[in-house]
PDB file of N, CA and C in Angstrom:
ATOM      1  N   UNK A   1    -128.108 104.460  38.257  1.00  0.00           N
ATOM      2  CA  UNK A   1    -126.928 103.703  38.510  1.00  0.00           C
ATOM      3  C   UNK A   1    -127.346 102.124  38.208  1.00  0.00           C
ATOM      4  N   UNK A   2    -126.277 101.406  37.730  1.00  0.00           N
ATOM      5  CA  UNK A   2    -126.476 100.017  37.515  1.00  0.00           C
ATOM      6  C   UNK A   2    -125.659  99.207  38.400  1.00  0.00           C
ATOM      7  N   UNK A   3    -125.953  97.996  38.610  1.00  0.00           N
ATOM      8  CA  UNK A   3    -125.030  96.986  39.314  1.00  0.00           C
ATOM      9  C   UNK A   3    -125.101  95.683  38.375  1.00  0.00           C
ATOM     10  N   UNK A   4    -123.984  94.893  38.752  1.00  0.00           N
ATOM     11  CA  UNK A   4    -123.913  93.499  38.083  1.00  0.00           C
ATOM     12  C   UNK A   4    -123.853  92.593  39.179  1.00  0.00           C
ATOM     13  N   UNK A   5    -124.924  91.723  39.223  1.00  0.00           N
ATOM     14  CA  UNK A   5    -124.994  90.680  40.364  1.00  0.00           C
ATOM     15  C   UNK A   5    -124.014  89.664  39.743  1.00  0.00           C
ATOM     16  N   UNK A   6    -123.008  89.323  40.889  1.00  0.00           N
ATOM     17  CA  UNK A   6    -121.919  88.374  40.554  1.00  0.00           C
ATOM     18  C   UNK A   6    -122.563  87.086  41.060  1.00  0.00           C
ATOM     19  N   UNK A   7    -123.122  86.969  42.143  1.00  0.00           N
ATOM     20  CA  UNK A   7    -123.550  85.678  42.661  1.00  0.00           C
ATOM     21  C   UNK A   7    -124.182  85.994  44.162  1.00  0.00           C
ATOM     22  N   UNK A   8    -124.704  84.870  44.820  1.00  0.00           N
ATOM     23  CA  UNK A   8    -125.246  84.798  45.979  1.00  0.00           C
ATOM     24  C   UNK A   8    -124.578  83.566  46.708  1.00  0.00           C
ATOM     25  N   UNK A   9    -124.035  83.897  47.923  1.00  0.00           N
ATOM     26  CA  UNK A   9    -123.429  83.115  48.563  1.00  0.00           C
ATOM     27  C   UNK A   9    -123.823  82.702  50.153  1.00  0.00           C
ATOM     28  N   UNK A  10    -123.792  81.579  50.571  1.00  0.00           N
ATOM     29  CA  UNK A  10    -124.285  81.256  52.051  1.00  0.00           C
ATOM     30  C   UNK A  10    -123.081  81.220  52.969  1.00  0.00           C
ATOM     31  N   UNK A  11    -121.791  81.101  52.462  1.00  0.00           N
ATOM     32  CA  UNK A  11    -120.696  81.183  53.426  1.00  0.00           C
ATOM     33  C   UNK A  11    -119.659  82.276  53.099  1.00  0.00           C
ATOM     34  N   UNK A  12    -119.165  82.747  54.058  1.00  0.00           N
ATOM     35  CA  UNK A  12    -118.222  83.988  54.013  1.00  0.00           C
ATOM     36  C   UNK A  12    -116.984  83.535  53.257  1.00  0.00           C
ATOM     37  N   UNK A  13    -116.313  82.461  53.408  1.00  0.00           N
ATOM     38  CA  UNK A  13    -115.070  82.063  52.672  1.00  0.00           C
ATOM     39  C   UNK A  13    -115.251  82.128  51.177  1.00  0.00           C
ATOM     40  N   UNK A  14    -116.521  81.645  50.564  1.00  0.00           N
ATOM     41  CA  UNK A  14    -116.655  81.745  49.297  1.00  0.00           C
ATOM     42  C   UNK A  14    -116.937  83.144  48.707  1.00  0.00           C
ATOM     43  N   UNK A  15    -117.590  83.916  49.480  1.00  0.00           N
ATOM     44  CA  UNK A  15    -117.869  85.362  49.117  1.00  0.00           C
ATOM     45  C   UNK A  15    -116.507  86.134  49.448  1.00  0.00           C
ATOM     46  N   UNK A  16    -115.782  85.947  50.346  1.00  0.00           N
ATOM     47  CA  UNK A  16    -114.448  86.579  50.278  1.00  0.00           C
ATOM     48  C   UNK A  16    -113.473  86.283  49.169  1.00  0.00           C
ATOM     49  N   UNK A  17    -113.444  84.985  48.753  1.00  0.00           N
ATOM     50  CA  UNK A  17    -112.682  84.630  47.571  1.00  0.00           C
ATOM     51  C   UNK A  17    -113.179  85.307  46.367  1.00  0.00           C
ATOM     52  N   UNK A  18    -114.363  85.531  46.154  1.00  0.00           N
ATOM     53  CA  UNK A  18    -114.985  86.133  44.994  1.00  0.00           C
ATOM     54  C   UNK A  18    -114.564  87.643  45.100  1.00  0.00           C
ATOM     55  N   UNK A  19    -114.809  88.246  46.383  1.00  0.00           N
ATOM     56  CA  UNK A  19    -114.603  89.691  46.407  1.00  0.00           C
ATOM     57  C   UNK A  19    -112.910  89.932  46.211  1.00  0.00           C
ATOM     58  N   UNK A  20    -112.182  89.042  46.555  1.00  0.00           N
ATOM     59  CA  UNK A  20    -110.757  89.178  46.336  1.00  0.00           C
ATOM     60  C   UNK A  20    -110.320  89.140  44.966  1.00  0.00           C
ATOM     61  N   UNK A  21    -111.157  88.367  44.101  1.00  0.00           N
ATOM     62  CA  UNK A  21    -110.746  88.334  42.588  1.00  0.00           C
ATOM     63  C   UNK A  21    -111.307  89.649  42.017  1.00  0.00           C
ATOM     64  N   UNK A  22    -112.259  90.297  42.541  1.00  0.00           N
ATOM     65  CA  UNK A  22    -112.829  91.432  41.861  1.00  0.00           C
ATOM     66  C   UNK A  22    -112.374  92.796  42.263  1.00  0.00           C
ATOM     67  N   UNK A  23    -112.104  92.903  43.611  1.00  0.00           N
ATOM     68  CA  UNK A  23    -111.955  94.347  44.106  1.00  0.00           C
ATOM     69  C   UNK A  23    -110.829  95.299  43.510  1.00  0.00           C
ATOM     70  N   UNK A  24    -109.780  94.642  43.007  1.00  0.00           N
ATOM     71  CA  UNK A  24    -108.836  95.466  42.433  1.00  0.00           C
ATOM     72  C   UNK A  24    -109.135  95.925  41.105  1.00  0.00           C
ATOM     73  N   UNK A  25    -110.222  95.551  40.527  1.00  0.00           N
ATOM     74  CA  UNK A  25    -110.660  95.954  39.065  1.00  0.00           C
ATOM     75  C   UNK A  25    -112.001  96.743  39.212  1.00  0.00           C
ATOM     76  N   UNK A  26    -112.930  96.354  40.099  1.00  0.00           N
ATOM     77  CA  UNK A  26    -114.103  96.963  40.100  1.00  0.00           C
ATOM     78  C   UNK A  26    -114.579  97.382  41.629  1.00  0.00           C
ATOM     79  N   UNK A  27    -115.562  98.369  41.763  1.00  0.00           N
ATOM     80  CA  UNK A  27    -116.001  98.654  43.041  1.00  0.00           C
ATOM     81  C   UNK A  27    -117.045  97.383  43.327  1.00  0.00           C
ATOM     82  N   UNK A  28    -116.963  96.982  44.496  1.00  0.00           N
ATOM     83  CA  UNK A  28    -117.743  95.828  44.879  1.00  0.00           C
ATOM     84  C   UNK A  28    -118.598  96.230  46.190  1.00  0.00           C
ATOM     85  N   UNK A  29    -119.943  95.605  46.080  1.00  0.00           N
ATOM     86  CA  UNK A  29    -120.901  95.915  47.254  1.00  0.00           C
ATOM     87  C   UNK A  29    -121.433  94.536  47.597  1.00  0.00           C
ATOM     88  N   UNK A  30    -121.753  94.321  48.897  1.00  0.00           N
ATOM     89  CA  UNK A  30    -122.251  93.096  49.241  1.00  0.00           C
ATOM     90  C   UNK A  30    -123.571  93.511  50.143  1.00  0.00           C
ATOM     91  N   UNK A  31    -124.617  92.817  49.716  1.00  0.00           N
ATOM     92  CA  UNK A  31    -125.945  93.015  50.357  1.00  0.00           C
ATOM     93  C   UNK A  31    -126.277  91.625  50.979  1.00  0.00           C
ATOM     94  N   UNK A  32    -126.687  91.673  52.219  1.00  0.00           N
ATOM     95  CA  UNK A  32    -127.106  90.529  53.156  1.00  0.00           C
ATOM     96  C   UNK A  32    -128.648  90.455  53.171  1.00  0.00           C
ATOM     97  N   UNK A  33    -129.201  89.372  52.832  1.00  0.00           N
ATOM     98  CA  UNK A  33    -130.603  88.946  52.899  1.00  0.00           C
ATOM     99  C   UNK A  33    -130.853  87.795  53.935  1.00  0.00           C
ATOM    100  N   UNK A  34    -131.785  87.918  54.567  1.00  0.00           N
ATOM    101  CA  UNK A  34    -132.186  86.759  55.436  1.00  0.00           C
ATOM    102  C   UNK A  34    -133.128  85.744  54.623  1.00  0.00           C
ATOM    103  N   UNK A  35    -132.553  84.565  54.587  1.00  0.00           N
ATOM    104  CA  UNK A  35    -133.469  83.292  53.897  1.00  0.00           C
ATOM    105  C   UNK A  35    -133.933  82.455  55.080  1.00  0.00           C
ATOM    106  N   UNK A  36    -134.667  81.535  54.670  1.00  0.00           N
ATOM    107  CA  UNK A  36    -135.220  80.655  55.708  1.00  0.00           C
ATOM    108  C   UNK A  36    -133.990  79.821  56.439  1.00  0.00           C
ATOM    109  N   UNK A  37    -132.967  79.573  55.761  1.00  0.00           N
ATOM    110  CA  UNK A  37    -131.928  78.781  56.333  1.00  0.00           C
ATOM    111  C   UNK A  37    -130.643  79.548  56.781  1.00  0.00           C
ATOM    112  N   UNK A  38    -130.740  80.934  56.856  1.00  0.00           N
ATOM    113  CA  UNK A  38    -129.856  81.875  57.267  1.00  0.00           C
ATOM    114  C   UNK A  38    -129.334  82.963  56.268  1.00  0.00           C
ATOM    115  N   UNK A  39    -128.486  83.661  56.556  1.00  0.00           N
ATOM    116  CA  UNK A  39    -128.250  84.676  55.762  1.00  0.00           C
ATOM    117  C   UNK A  39    -127.566  84.298  54.402  1.00  0.00           C
ATOM    118  N   UNK A  40    -127.887  85.164  53.281  1.00  0.00           N
ATOM    119  CA  UNK A  40    -127.313  84.879  51.930  1.00  0.00           C
ATOM    120  C   UNK A  40    -126.615  86.239  51.721  1.00  0.00           C
ATOM    121  N   UNK A  41    -125.487  86.173  51.132  1.00  0.00           N
ATOM    122  CA  UNK A  41    -124.678  87.358  50.828  1.00  0.00           C
ATOM    123  C   UNK A  41    -124.661  87.446  49.280  1.00  0.00           C
ATOM    124  N   UNK A  42    -125.277  88.588  48.828  1.00  0.00           N
ATOM    125  CA  UNK A  42    -125.316  88.902  47.380  1.00  0.00           C
ATOM    126  C   UNK A  42    -124.204  89.907  47.038  1.00  0.00           C
ATOM    127  N   UNK A  43    -123.439  89.429  45.971  1.00  0.00           N
ATOM    128  CA  UNK A  43    -122.177  90.227  45.645  1.00  0.00           C
ATOM    129  C   UNK A  43    -122.507  90.922  44.304  1.00  0.00           C
ATOM    130  N   UNK A  44    -122.228  92.212  44.283  1.00  0.00           N
ATOM    131  CA  UNK A  44    -122.472  93.118  43.101  1.00  0.00           C
ATOM    132  C   UNK A  44    -121.258  93.834  42.936  1.00  0.00           C
ATOM    133  N   UNK A  45    -121.093  94.169  41.513  1.00  0.00           N
ATOM    134  CA  UNK A  45    -120.141  95.112  41.109  1.00  0.00           C
ATOM    135  C   UNK A  45    -120.767  96.281  40.759  1.00  0.00           C
ATOM    136  N   UNK A  46    -120.386  97.476  41.247  1.00  0.00           N
ATOM    137  CA  UNK A  46    -121.071  98.537  41.043  1.00  0.00           C
ATOM    138  C   UNK A  46    -121.071  99.639  42.312  1.00  0.00           C
ATOM    139  N   UNK A  47    -121.656 100.933  42.159  1.00  0.00           N
ATOM    140  CA  UNK A  47    -122.343 101.292  40.997  1.00  0.00           C
ATOM    141  C   UNK A  47    -121.635 101.579  39.726  1.00  0.00           C
ATOM    142  N   UNK A  48    -122.352 101.487  38.622  1.00  0.00           N
ATOM    143  CA  UNK A  48    -121.779 101.707  37.367  1.00  0.00           C
ATOM    144  C   UNK A  48    -122.573 102.662  36.559  1.00  0.00           C
ATOM    145  N   UNK A  49    -122.093 103.481  35.796  1.00  0.00           N
ATOM    146  CA  UNK A  49    -122.900 104.228  34.696  1.00  0.00           C
ATOM    147  C   UNK A  49    -123.379 103.298  33.557  1.00  0.00           C
ATOM    148  N   UNK A  50    -124.413 103.736  32.858  1.00  0.00           N
ATOM    149  CA  UNK A  50    -124.880 103.124  31.906  1.00  0.00           C
ATOM    150  C   UNK A  50    -123.823 102.763  30.893  1.00  0.00           C
ATOM    151  N   UNK A  51    -123.004 103.706  30.430  1.00  0.00           N
ATOM    152  CA  UNK A  51    -122.082 103.305  29.434  1.00  0.00           C
ATOM    153  C   UNK A  51    -120.919 102.443  29.740  1.00  0.00           C
ATOM    154  N   UNK A  52    -120.885 102.013  31.146  1.00  0.00           N
ATOM    155  CA  UNK A  52    -119.798 101.259  31.549  1.00  0.00           C
ATOM    156  C   UNK A  52    -120.334  99.646  31.738  1.00  0.00           C
ATOM    157  N   UNK A  53    -121.732  99.507  31.641  1.00  0.00           N
ATOM    158  CA  UNK A  53    -122.147  98.193  32.003  1.00  0.00           C
ATOM    159  C   UNK A  53    -121.688  97.135  31.047  1.00  0.00           C
ATOM    160  N   UNK A  54    -121.732  97.276  29.574  1.00  0.00           N
ATOM    161  CA  UNK A  54    -121.401  96.321  28.706  1.00  0.00           C
ATOM    162  C   UNK A  54    -120.171  95.736  28.813  1.00  0.00           C
ATOM    163  N   UNK A  55    -119.129  96.709  29.010  1.00  0.00           N
ATOM    164  CA  UNK A  55    -117.662  96.248  29.079  1.00  0.00           C
ATOM    165  C   UNK A  55    -117.508  95.471  30.406  1.00  0.00           C
ATOM    166  N   UNK A  56    -118.041  96.028  31.298  1.00  0.00           N
ATOM    167  CA  UNK A  56    -117.830  95.522  32.785  1.00  0.00           C
ATOM    168  C   UNK A  56    -118.463  94.177  32.781  1.00  0.00           C
ATOM    169  N   UNK A  57    -119.613  93.839  32.209  1.00  0.00           N
ATOM    170  CA  UNK A  57    -120.292  92.522  32.298  1.00  0.00           C
ATOM    171  C   UNK A  57    -119.249  91.535  31.608  1.00  0.00           C
ATOM    172  N   UNK A  58    -118.755  91.962  30.387  1.00  0.00           N
ATOM    173  CA  UNK A  58    -117.970  91.029  29.712  1.00  0.00           C
ATOM    174  C   UNK A  58    -116.589  90.682  30.490  1.00  0.00           C
ATOM    175  N   UNK A  59    -116.042  91.777  31.018  1.00  0.00           N
ATOM    176  CA  UNK A  59    -114.813  91.603  31.945  1.00  0.00           C
ATOM    177  C   UNK A  59    -115.225  90.638  33.136  1.00  0.00           C
ATOM    178  N   UNK A  60    -116.241  90.748  33.803  1.00  0.00           N
ATOM    179  CA  UNK A  60    -116.593  89.935  34.904  1.00  0.00           C
ATOM    180  C   UNK A  60    -116.731  88.473  34.520  1.00  0.00           C
ATOM    181  N   UNK A  61    -117.494  88.281  33.434  1.00  0.00           N
ATOM    182  CA  UNK A  61    -117.747  87.137  32.845  1.00  0.00           C
ATOM    183  C   UNK A  61    -116.414  86.266  32.453  1.00  0.00           C
ATOM    184  N   UNK A  62    -115.348  87.126  32.033  1.00  0.00           N
ATOM    185  CA  UNK A  62    -114.173  86.599  31.524  1.00  0.00           C
ATOM    186  C   UNK A  62    -113.317  86.249  32.711  1.00  0.00           C
ATOM    187  N   UNK A  63    -113.579  86.754  33.919  1.00  0.00           N
ATOM    188  CA  UNK A  63    -113.008  86.332  35.021  1.00  0.00           C
ATOM    189  C   UNK A  63    -113.585  85.244  35.708  1.00  0.00           C
ATOM    190  N   UNK A  64    -114.506  84.470  35.039  1.00  0.00           N
ATOM    191  CA  UNK A  64    -115.091  83.289  35.614  1.00  0.00           C
ATOM    192  C   UNK A  64    -116.409  83.287  36.132  1.00  0.00           C
ATOM    193  N   UNK A  65    -116.960  84.574  36.257  1.00  0.00           N
ATOM    194  CA  UNK A  65    -118.394  84.656  36.854  1.00  0.00           C
ATOM    195  C   UNK A  65    -119.424  84.563  35.799  1.00  0.00           C
ATOM    196  N   UNK A  66    -119.423  83.383  35.077  1.00  0.00           N
ATOM    197  CA  UNK A  66    -120.358  83.281  33.936  1.00  0.00           C
ATOM    198  C   UNK A  66    -121.926  83.549  34.046  1.00  0.00           C
ATOM    199  N   UNK A  67    -122.287  83.439  35.367  1.00  0.00           N
ATOM    200  CA  UNK A  67    -123.897  83.665  35.670  1.00  0.00           C
ATOM    201  C   UNK A  67    -124.027  85.035  36.089  1.00  0.00           C
ATOM    202  N   UNK A  68    -122.998  86.150  35.916  1.00  0.00           N
ATOM    203  CA  UNK A  68    -123.361  87.341  36.327  1.00  0.00           C
ATOM    204  C   UNK A  68    -124.356  88.090  35.382  1.00  0.00           C
ATOM    205  N   UNK A  69    -125.145  88.879  36.036  1.00  0.00           N
ATOM    206  CA  UNK A  69    -126.199  89.558  35.143  1.00  0.00           C
ATOM    207  C   UNK A  69    -126.370  91.142  35.642  1.00  0.00           C
ATOM    208  N   UNK A  70    -126.851  91.767  34.686  1.00  0.00           N
ATOM    209  CA  UNK A  70    -127.040  93.243  34.971  1.00  0.00           C
ATOM    210  C   UNK A  70    -128.365  93.325  35.817  1.00  0.00           C
ATOM    211  N   UNK A  71    -128.246  94.444  36.806  1.00  0.00           N
ATOM    212  CA  UNK A  71    -129.450  94.743  37.614  1.00  0.00           C
ATOM    213  C   UNK A  71    -129.440  96.307  37.523  1.00  0.00           C
ATOM    214  N   UNK A  72    -130.773  96.902  37.286  1.00  0.00           N
ATOM    215  CA  UNK A  72    -130.752  98.322  37.486  1.00  0.00           C
ATOM    216  C   UNK A  72    -131.870  98.752  38.280  1.00  0.00           C
TER     217      UNK A  72
END
């Protein structure tokens, strides 16, 4: 399975806004990691099949998430 990382957020309001923009179109997943200055929320689209990744990445970027990238 493949995932597209949308971004990493330090605040819940920023994360919530991004999730709201994506959740009607894609499955979204949030992973919380602990950093030195507190939690960081990593937002992913997925899981996706290999054949879905190219179109999904283009669509995510067209929604304004220009820094999104594929993780496998």
